[in-house]
Amino acid sequence: MAPEGLRLDPELFRTLRYYGRISLDLLAGPLLGLALGRHLSQRFALSPLWMALGFLAGAGFSFFGVYRLMTTEIFRDWHKSGGKKEK
């Protein structure tokens, strides 16, 4: 049981989940793209150019995922505030 006065803030966990997802997206996407590009280069005896293309494709998908996550969060906060513009 938590001591008196100490409570867990659900907003803290939401923020940690948000930043954790961003860091995981930015790390996993390029690594998976690099691994796929390396596999294609070795399997079909192609140039290492495919590794670079795989890395760039993974990075692109990662940044798109982060963009989508951020726009979803911004829209949710905007909707929660009643659609009012803040100055």
PDB file of N, CA and C in Angstrom:
ATOM      1  N   MET A   1       0.843  -1.171   0.000  1.00  0.00           N
ATOM      2  CA  MET A   1       0.000   0.000   0.000  1.00  0.00           C
ATOM      3  C   MET A   1       0.893   1.241   0.000  1.00  0.00           C
ATOM      4  N   ALA A   2       0.510   2.251  -0.754  1.00  0.00           N
ATOM      5  CA  ALA A   2       1.290   3.473  -0.862  1.00  0.00           C
ATOM      6  C   ALA A   2       1.171   4.294   0.419  1.00  0.00           C
ATOM      7  N   PRO A   3       2.271   4.935   0.831  1.00  0.00           N
ATOM      8  CA  PRO A   3       2.204   5.781   2.026  1.00  0.00           C
ATOM      9  C   PRO A   3       1.237   6.948   1.824  1.00  0.00           C
ATOM     10  N   GLU A   4       0.803   7.498   2.942  1.00  0.00           N
ATOM     11  CA  GLU A   4      -0.136   8.618   2.903  1.00  0.00           C
ATOM     12  C   GLU A   4       0.494   9.792   2.153  1.00  0.00           C
ATOM     13  N   GLY A   5      -0.234  10.360   1.231  1.00  0.00           N
ATOM     14  CA  GLY A   5       0.241  11.510   0.475  1.00  0.00           C
ATOM     15  C   GLY A   5       0.977  11.141  -0.800  1.00  0.00           C
ATOM     16  N   LEU A   6       1.402   9.902  -0.962  1.00  0.00           N
ATOM     17  CA  LEU A   6       2.101   9.480  -2.162  1.00  0.00           C
ATOM     18  C   LEU A   6       1.131   8.706  -3.040  1.00  0.00           C
ATOM     19  N   ARG A   7       0.922   9.185  -4.238  1.00  0.00           N
ATOM     20  CA  ARG A   7       0.032   8.470  -5.159  1.00  0.00           C
ATOM     21  C   ARG A   7       0.646   8.488  -6.543  1.00  0.00           C
ATOM     22  N   LEU A   8       0.300   7.512  -7.309  1.00  0.00           N
ATOM     23  CA  LEU A   8       0.832   7.382  -8.659  1.00  0.00           C
ATOM     24  C   LEU A   8      -0.042   8.187  -9.614  1.00  0.00           C
ATOM     25  N   ASP A   9       0.602   9.015 -10.382  1.00  0.00           N
ATOM     26  CA  ASP A   9      -0.094   9.888 -11.317  1.00  0.00           C
ATOM     27  C   ASP A   9      -0.265   9.176 -12.653  1.00  0.00           C
ATOM     28  N   PRO A  10      -1.486   8.982 -13.130  1.00  0.00           N
ATOM     29  CA  PRO A  10      -1.672   8.315 -14.422  1.00  0.00           C
ATOM     30  C   PRO A  10      -1.112   9.130 -15.584  1.00  0.00           C
ATOM     31  N   GLU A  11      -1.036  10.433 -15.428  1.00  0.00           N
ATOM     32  CA  GLU A  11      -0.465  11.273 -16.485  1.00  0.00           C
ATOM     33  C   GLU A  11       1.026  10.991 -16.656  1.00  0.00           C
ATOM     34  N   LEU A  12       1.700  10.673 -15.551  1.00  0.00           N
ATOM     35  CA  LEU A  12       3.111  10.321 -15.612  1.00  0.00           C
ATOM     36  C   LEU A  12       3.307   9.051 -16.438  1.00  0.00           C
ATOM     37  N   PHE A  13       2.487   8.042 -16.201  1.00  0.00           N
ATOM     38  CA  PHE A  13       2.603   6.795 -16.955  1.00  0.00           C
ATOM     39  C   PHE A  13       2.271   6.997 -18.430  1.00  0.00           C
ATOM     40  N   ARG A  14       1.322   7.868 -18.721  1.00  0.00           N
ATOM     41  CA  ARG A  14       0.985   8.163 -20.119  1.00  0.00           C
ATOM     42  C   ARG A  14       2.159   8.846 -20.809  1.00  0.00           C
ATOM     43  N   THR A  15       2.825   9.759 -20.099  1.00  0.00           N
ATOM     44  CA  THR A  15       3.976  10.451 -20.666  1.00  0.00           C
ATOM     45  C   THR A  15       5.144   9.499 -20.878  1.00  0.00           C
ATOM     46  N   LEU A  16       5.394   8.632 -19.904  1.00  0.00           N
ATOM     47  CA  LEU A  16       6.472   7.654 -20.057  1.00  0.00           C
ATOM     48  C   LEU A  16       6.203   6.700 -21.209  1.00  0.00           C
ATOM     49  N   ARG A  17       4.951   6.293 -21.374  1.00  0.00           N
ATOM     50  CA  ARG A  17       4.593   5.421 -22.500  1.00  0.00           C
ATOM     51  C   ARG A  17       4.811   6.137 -23.825  1.00  0.00           C
ATOM     52  N   TYR A  18       4.460   7.409 -23.866  1.00  0.00           N
ATOM     53  CA  TYR A  18       4.594   8.215 -25.083  1.00  0.00           C
ATOM     54  C   TYR A  18       6.063   8.316 -25.504  1.00  0.00           C
ATOM     55  N   TYR A  19       6.931   8.717 -24.576  1.00  0.00           N
ATOM     56  CA  TYR A  19       8.346   8.864 -24.908  1.00  0.00           C
ATOM     57  C   TYR A  19       9.027   7.513 -25.125  1.00  0.00           C
ATOM     58  N   GLY A  20       8.583   6.496 -24.430  1.00  0.00           N
ATOM     59  CA  GLY A  20       9.124   5.165 -24.658  1.00  0.00           C
ATOM     60  C   GLY A  20       8.800   4.652 -26.045  1.00  0.00           C
ATOM     61  N   ARG A  21       7.597   4.930 -26.492  1.00  0.00           N
ATOM     62  CA  ARG A  21       7.199   4.494 -27.838  1.00  0.00           C
ATOM     63  C   ARG A  21       7.983   5.237 -28.901  1.00  0.00           C
ATOM     64  N   ILE A  22       8.212   6.533 -28.696  1.00  0.00           N
ATOM     65  CA  ILE A  22       8.999   7.305 -29.662  1.00  0.00           C
ATOM     66  C   ILE A  22      10.415   6.748 -29.763  1.00  0.00           C
ATOM     67  N   SER A  23      11.046   6.502 -28.620  1.00  0.00           N
ATOM     68  CA  SER A  23      12.421   5.993 -28.659  1.00  0.00           C
ATOM     69  C   SER A  23      12.486   4.590 -29.253  1.00  0.00           C
ATOM     70  N   LEU A  24      11.503   3.765 -28.960  1.00  0.00           N
ATOM     71  CA  LEU A  24      11.486   2.427 -29.540  1.00  0.00           C
ATOM     72  C   LEU A  24      11.280   2.483 -31.051  1.00  0.00           C
ATOM     73  N   ASP A  25      10.392   3.350 -31.499  1.00  0.00           N
ATOM     74  CA  ASP A  25      10.179   3.499 -32.941  1.00  0.00           C
ATOM     75  C   ASP A  25      11.442   3.965 -33.649  1.00  0.00           C
ATOM     76  N   LEU A  26      12.115   4.955 -33.077  1.00  0.00           N
ATOM     77  CA  LEU A  26      13.312   5.498 -33.715  1.00  0.00           C
ATOM     78  C   LEU A  26      14.496   4.536 -33.675  1.00  0.00           C
ATOM     79  N   LEU A  27      14.479   3.589 -32.767  1.00  0.00           N
ATOM     80  CA  LEU A  27      15.559   2.613 -32.692  1.00  0.00           C
ATOM     81  C   LEU A  27      15.268   1.370 -33.529  1.00  0.00           C
ATOM     82  N   ALA A  28      14.059   0.848 -33.407  1.00  0.00           N
ATOM     83  CA  ALA A  28      13.745  -0.440 -34.038  1.00  0.00           C
ATOM     84  C   ALA A  28      13.597  -0.335 -35.551  1.00  0.00           C
ATOM     85  N   GLY A  29      13.013   0.734 -36.054  1.00  0.00           N
ATOM     86  CA  GLY A  29      12.774   0.862 -37.492  1.00  0.00           C
ATOM     87  C   GLY A  29      14.037   0.792 -38.321  1.00  0.00           C
ATOM     88  N   PRO A  30      15.006   1.660 -38.052  1.00  0.00           N
ATOM     89  CA  PRO A  30      16.243   1.581 -38.838  1.00  0.00           C
ATOM     90  C   PRO A  30      17.000   0.270 -38.662  1.00  0.00           C
ATOM     91  N   LEU A  31      16.979  -0.292 -37.436  1.00  0.00           N
ATOM     92  CA  LEU A  31      17.679  -1.565 -37.231  1.00  0.00           C
ATOM     93  C   LEU A  31      17.026  -2.697 -38.020  1.00  0.00           C
ATOM     94  N   LEU A  32      15.699  -2.735 -38.023  1.00  0.00           N
ATOM     95  CA  LEU A  32      15.024  -3.772 -38.806  1.00  0.00           C
ATOM     96  C   LEU A  32      15.239  -3.568 -40.299  1.00  0.00           C
ATOM     97  N   GLY A  33      15.209  -2.315 -40.747  1.00  0.00           N
ATOM     98  CA  GLY A  33      15.483  -2.031 -42.159  1.00  0.00           C
ATOM     99  C   GLY A  33      16.895  -2.420 -42.541  1.00  0.00           C
ATOM    100  N   LEU A  34      17.848  -2.144 -41.668  1.00  0.00           N
ATOM    101  CA  LEU A  34      19.233  -2.525 -41.930  1.00  0.00           C
ATOM    102  C   LEU A  34      19.377  -4.044 -41.985  1.00  0.00           C
ATOM    103  N   ALA A  35      18.728  -4.738 -41.065  1.00  0.00           N
ATOM    104  CA  ALA A  35      18.802  -6.206 -41.063  1.00  0.00           C
ATOM    105  C   ALA A  35      18.165  -6.793 -42.318  1.00  0.00           C
ATOM    106  N   LEU A  36      17.027  -6.245 -42.733  1.00  0.00           N
ATOM    107  CA  LEU A  36      16.387  -6.735 -43.948  1.00  0.00           C
ATOM    108  C   LEU A  36      17.249  -6.446 -45.175  1.00  0.00           C
ATOM    109  N   GLY A  37      17.826  -5.255 -45.242  1.00  0.00           N
ATOM    110  CA  GLY A  37      18.708  -4.923 -46.356  1.00  0.00           C
ATOM    111  C   GLY A  37      19.947  -5.804 -46.391  1.00  0.00           C
ATOM    112  N   ARG A  38      20.503  -6.099 -45.235  1.00  0.00           N
ATOM    113  CA  ARG A  38      21.677  -6.983 -45.170  1.00  0.00           C
ATOM    114  C   ARG A  38      21.312  -8.395 -45.612  1.00  0.00           C
ATOM    115  N   HIS A  39      20.155  -8.856 -45.185  1.00  0.00           N
ATOM    116  CA  HIS A  39      19.704 -10.185 -45.594  1.00  0.00           C
ATOM    117  C   HIS A  39      19.524 -10.249 -47.110  1.00  0.00           C
ATOM    118  N   LEU A  40      18.890  -9.239 -47.674  1.00  0.00           N
ATOM    119  CA  LEU A  40      18.702  -9.224 -49.133  1.00  0.00           C
ATOM    120  C   LEU A  40      20.034  -9.154 -49.869  1.00  0.00           C
ATOM    121  N   SER A  41      20.974  -8.377 -49.356  1.00  0.00           N
ATOM    122  CA  SER A  41      22.283  -8.267 -49.992  1.00  0.00           C
ATOM    123  C   SER A  41      23.020  -9.597 -49.976  1.00  0.00           C
ATOM    124  N   GLN A  42      22.955 -10.312 -48.875  1.00  0.00           N
ATOM    125  CA  GLN A  42      23.652 -11.591 -48.779  1.00  0.00           C
ATOM    126  C   GLN A  42      22.934 -12.695 -49.558  1.00  0.00           C
ATOM    127  N   ARG A  43      21.629 -12.718 -49.469  1.00  0.00           N
ATOM    128  CA  ARG A  43      20.879 -13.804 -50.091  1.00  0.00           C
ATOM    129  C   ARG A  43      20.964 -13.764 -51.610  1.00  0.00           C
ATOM    130  N   PHE A  44      20.865 -12.591 -52.176  1.00  0.00           N
ATOM    131  CA  PHE A  44      20.857 -12.469 -53.630  1.00  0.00           C
ATOM    132  C   PHE A  44      22.177 -11.955 -54.184  1.00  0.00           C
ATOM    133  N   ALA A  45      23.211 -11.916 -53.354  1.00  0.00           N
ATOM    134  CA  ALA A  45      24.554 -11.482 -53.738  1.00  0.00           C
ATOM    135  C   ALA A  45      24.509 -10.119 -54.422  1.00  0.00           C
ATOM    136  N   LEU A  46      23.813  -9.211 -53.786  1.00  0.00           N
ATOM    137  CA  LEU A  46      23.701  -7.858 -54.319  1.00  0.00           C
ATOM    138  C   LEU A  46      24.682  -6.940 -53.605  1.00  0.00           C
ATOM    139  N   SER A  47      24.790  -5.751 -54.091  1.00  0.00           N
ATOM    140  CA  SER A  47      25.730  -4.803 -53.493  1.00  0.00           C
ATOM    141  C   SER A  47      25.234  -4.346 -52.120  1.00  0.00           C
ATOM    142  N   PRO A  48      26.125  -3.794 -51.316  1.00  0.00           N
ATOM    143  CA  PRO A  48      25.720  -3.298 -49.988  1.00  0.00           C
ATOM    144  C   PRO A  48      24.778  -2.094 -50.068  1.00  0.00           C
ATOM    145  N   LEU A  49      24.497  -1.642 -51.251  1.00  0.00           N
ATOM    146  CA  LEU A  49      23.562  -0.542 -51.413  1.00  0.00           C
ATOM    147  C   LEU A  49      22.211  -0.885 -50.801  1.00  0.00           C
ATOM    148  N   TRP A  50      21.837  -2.150 -50.830  1.00  0.00           N
ATOM    149  CA  TRP A  50      20.545  -2.559 -50.272  1.00  0.00           C
ATOM    150  C   TRP A  50      20.493  -2.387 -48.765  1.00  0.00           C
ATOM    151  N   MET A  51      21.655  -2.494 -48.109  1.00  0.00           N
ATOM    152  CA  MET A  51      21.686  -2.237 -46.669  1.00  0.00           C
ATOM    153  C   MET A  51      21.371  -0.771 -46.387  1.00  0.00           C
ATOM    154  N   ALA A  52      21.953   0.101 -47.176  1.00  0.00           N
ATOM    155  CA  ALA A  52      21.699   1.532 -46.993  1.00  0.00           C
ATOM    156  C   ALA A  52      20.246   1.858 -47.304  1.00  0.00           C
ATOM    157  N   LEU A  53      19.711   1.274 -48.361  1.00  0.00           N
ATOM    158  CA  LEU A  53      18.309   1.520 -48.704  1.00  0.00           C
ATOM    159  C   LEU A  53      17.371   0.970 -47.629  1.00  0.00           C
ATOM    160  N   GLY A  54      17.696  -0.182 -47.070  1.00  0.00           N
ATOM    161  CA  GLY A  54      16.895  -0.746 -45.990  1.00  0.00           C
ATOM    162  C   GLY A  54      16.921   0.137 -44.758  1.00  0.00           C
ATOM    163  N   PHE A  55      18.113   0.660 -44.437  1.00  0.00           N
ATOM    164  CA  PHE A  55      18.226   1.570 -43.296  1.00  0.00           C
ATOM    165  C   PHE A  55      17.391   2.829 -43.509  1.00  0.00           C
ATOM    166  N   LEU A  56      17.491   3.413 -44.695  1.00  0.00           N
ATOM    167  CA  LEU A  56      16.735   4.635 -44.977  1.00  0.00           C
ATOM    168  C   LEU A  56      15.226   4.378 -44.986  1.00  0.00           C
ATOM    169  N   ALA A  57      14.818   3.238 -45.520  1.00  0.00           N
ATOM    170  CA  ALA A  57      13.385   2.909 -45.510  1.00  0.00           C
ATOM    171  C   ALA A  57      12.898   2.715 -44.068  1.00  0.00           C
ATOM    172  N   GLY A  58      13.679   2.025 -43.249  1.00  0.00           N
ATOM    173  CA  GLY A  58      13.309   1.845 -41.847  1.00  0.00           C
ATOM    174  C   GLY A  58      13.242   3.165 -41.101  1.00  0.00           C
ATOM    175  N   ALA A  59      14.190   4.045 -41.373  1.00  0.00           N
ATOM    176  CA  ALA A  59      14.182   5.364 -40.734  1.00  0.00           C
ATOM    177  C   ALA A  59      12.966   6.162 -41.186  1.00  0.00           C
ATOM    178  N   GLY A  60      12.630   6.076 -42.465  1.00  0.00           N
ATOM    179  CA  GLY A  60      11.449   6.781 -42.967  1.00  0.00           C
ATOM    180  C   GLY A  60      10.165   6.282 -42.324  1.00  0.00           C
ATOM    181  N   PHE A  61      10.032   4.986 -42.231  1.00  0.00           N
ATOM    182  CA  PHE A  61       8.837   4.425 -41.582  1.00  0.00           C
ATOM    183  C   PHE A  61       8.792   4.807 -40.098  1.00  0.00           C
ATOM    184  N   SER A  62       9.954   4.848 -39.456  1.00  0.00           N
ATOM    185  CA  SER A  62      10.000   5.239 -38.050  1.00  0.00           C
ATOM    186  C   SER A  62       9.552   6.677 -37.856  1.00  0.00           C
ATOM    187  N   PHE A  63      10.065   7.576 -38.686  1.00  0.00           N
ATOM    188  CA  PHE A  63       9.674   8.974 -38.549  1.00  0.00           C
ATOM    189  C   PHE A  63       8.207   9.174 -38.872  1.00  0.00           C
ATOM    190  N   PHE A  64       7.678   8.400 -39.818  1.00  0.00           N
ATOM    191  CA  PHE A  64       6.250   8.485 -40.107  1.00  0.00           C
ATOM    192  C   PHE A  64       5.434   7.997 -38.910  1.00  0.00           C
ATOM    193  N   GLY A  65       5.886   6.937 -38.252  1.00  0.00           N
ATOM    194  CA  GLY A  65       5.203   6.444 -37.064  1.00  0.00           C
ATOM    195  C   GLY A  65       5.219   7.454 -35.929  1.00  0.00           C
ATOM    196  N   VAL A  66       6.350   8.135 -35.753  1.00  0.00           N
ATOM    197  CA  VAL A  66       6.440   9.166 -34.719  1.00  0.00           C
ATOM    198  C   VAL A  66       5.533  10.338 -35.075  1.00  0.00           C
ATOM    199  N   TYR A  67       5.503  10.729 -36.341  1.00  0.00           N
ATOM    200  CA  TYR A  67       4.620  11.811 -36.784  1.00  0.00           C
ATOM    201  C   TYR A  67       3.161  11.453 -36.504  1.00  0.00           C
ATOM    202  N   ARG A  68       2.779  10.246 -36.830  1.00  0.00           N
ATOM    203  CA  ARG A  68       1.402   9.806 -36.603  1.00  0.00           C
ATOM    204  C   ARG A  68       1.069   9.785 -35.115  1.00  0.00           C
ATOM    205  N   LEU A  69       2.002   9.325 -34.293  1.00  0.00           N
ATOM    206  CA  LEU A  69       1.791   9.306 -32.850  1.00  0.00           C
ATOM    207  C   LEU A  69       1.639  10.723 -32.301  1.00  0.00           C
ATOM    208  N   MET A  70       2.482  11.638 -32.763  1.00  0.00           N
ATOM    209  CA  MET A  70       2.418  13.009 -32.268  1.00  0.00           C
ATOM    210  C   MET A  70       1.133  13.701 -32.685  1.00  0.00           C
ATOM    211  N   THR A  71       0.701  13.509 -33.922  1.00  0.00           N
ATOM    212  CA  THR A  71      -0.543  14.149 -34.351  1.00  0.00           C
ATOM    213  C   THR A  71      -1.735  13.575 -33.595  1.00  0.00           C
ATOM    214  N   THR A  72      -1.703  12.284 -33.286  1.00  0.00           N
ATOM    215  CA  THR A  72      -2.780  11.685 -32.499  1.00  0.00           C
ATOM    216  C   THR A  72      -2.823  12.289 -31.101  1.00  0.00           C
ATOM    217  N   GLU A  73      -1.661  12.445 -30.471  1.00  0.00           N
ATOM    218  CA  GLU A  73      -1.607  13.034 -29.130  1.00  0.00           C
ATOM    219  C   GLU A  73      -2.041  14.492 -29.142  1.00  0.00           C
ATOM    220  N   ILE A  74      -1.604  15.239 -30.144  1.00  0.00           N
ATOM    221  CA  ILE A  74      -1.990  16.650 -30.238  1.00  0.00           C
ATOM    222  C   ILE A  74      -3.497  16.766 -30.427  1.00  0.00           C
ATOM    223  N   PHE A  75      -4.058  15.931 -31.298  1.00  0.00           N
ATOM    224  CA  PHE A  75      -5.502  15.979 -31.523  1.00  0.00           C
ATOM    225  C   PHE A  75      -6.260  15.599 -30.251  1.00  0.00           C
ATOM    226  N   ARG A  76      -5.747  14.604 -29.514  1.00  0.00           N
ATOM    227  CA  ARG A  76      -6.429  14.180 -28.291  1.00  0.00           C
ATOM    228  C   ARG A  76      -6.396  15.294 -27.240  1.00  0.00           C
ATOM    229  N   ASP A  77      -5.241  15.963 -27.098  1.00  0.00           N
ATOM    230  CA  ASP A  77      -5.162  17.079 -26.152  1.00  0.00           C
ATOM    231  C   ASP A  77      -6.054  18.236 -26.583  1.00  0.00           C
ATOM    232  N   TRP A  78      -6.102  18.509 -27.880  1.00  0.00           N
ATOM    233  CA  TRP A  78      -6.951  19.581 -28.396  1.00  0.00           C
ATOM    234  C   TRP A  78      -8.417  19.255 -28.153  1.00  0.00           C
ATOM    235  N   HIS A  79      -8.777  18.001 -28.393  1.00  0.00           N
ATOM    236  CA  HIS A  79     -10.159  17.573 -28.194  1.00  0.00           C
ATOM    237  C   HIS A  79     -10.531  17.611 -26.709  1.00  0.00           C
ATOM    238  N   LYS A  80      -9.572  17.239 -25.852  1.00  0.00           N
ATOM    239  CA  LYS A  80      -9.823  17.243 -24.409  1.00  0.00           C
ATOM    240  C   LYS A  80     -10.041  18.668 -23.890  1.00  0.00           C
ATOM    241  N   SER A  81      -9.358  19.648 -24.490  1.00  0.00           N
ATOM    242  CA  SER A  81      -9.498  21.032 -24.052  1.00  0.00           C
ATOM    243  C   SER A  81     -10.752  21.688 -24.637  1.00  0.00           C
ATOM    244  N   GLY A  82     -11.541  20.960 -25.373  1.00  0.00           N
ATOM    245  CA  GLY A  82     -12.767  21.497 -25.937  1.00  0.00           C
ATOM    246  C   GLY A  82     -12.583  22.183 -27.256  1.00  0.00           C
ATOM    247  N   GLY A  83     -11.450  21.990 -27.905  1.00  0.00           N
ATOM    248  CA  GLY A  83     -11.209  22.585 -29.213  1.00  0.00           C
ATOM    249  C   GLY A  83     -10.878  24.058 -29.147  1.00  0.00           C
ATOM    250  N   LYS A  84     -10.495  24.546 -27.981  1.00  0.00           N
ATOM    251  CA  LYS A  84     -10.158  25.963 -27.840  1.00  0.00           C
ATOM    252  C   LYS A  84      -8.713  26.190 -28.229  1.00  0.00           C
ATOM    253  N   LYS A  85      -8.471  27.303 -28.870  1.00  0.00           N
ATOM    254  CA  LYS A  85      -7.111  27.674 -29.214  1.00  0.00           C
ATOM    255  C   LYS A  85      -6.451  28.316 -28.010  1.00  0.00           C
ATOM    256  N   GLU A  86      -5.236  27.879 -27.692  1.00  0.00           N
ATOM    257  CA  GLU A  86      -4.498  28.477 -26.581  1.00  0.00           C
ATOM    258  C   GLU A  86      -3.487  29.462 -27.140  1.00  0.00           C
ATOM    259  N   LYS A  87      -3.307  30.577 -26.434  1.00  0.00           N
ATOM    260  CA  LYS A  87      -2.349  31.587 -26.887  1.00  0.00           C
ATOM    261  C   LYS A  87      -1.069  31.466 -26.114  1.00  0.00           C
TER     262      LYS A  87
END
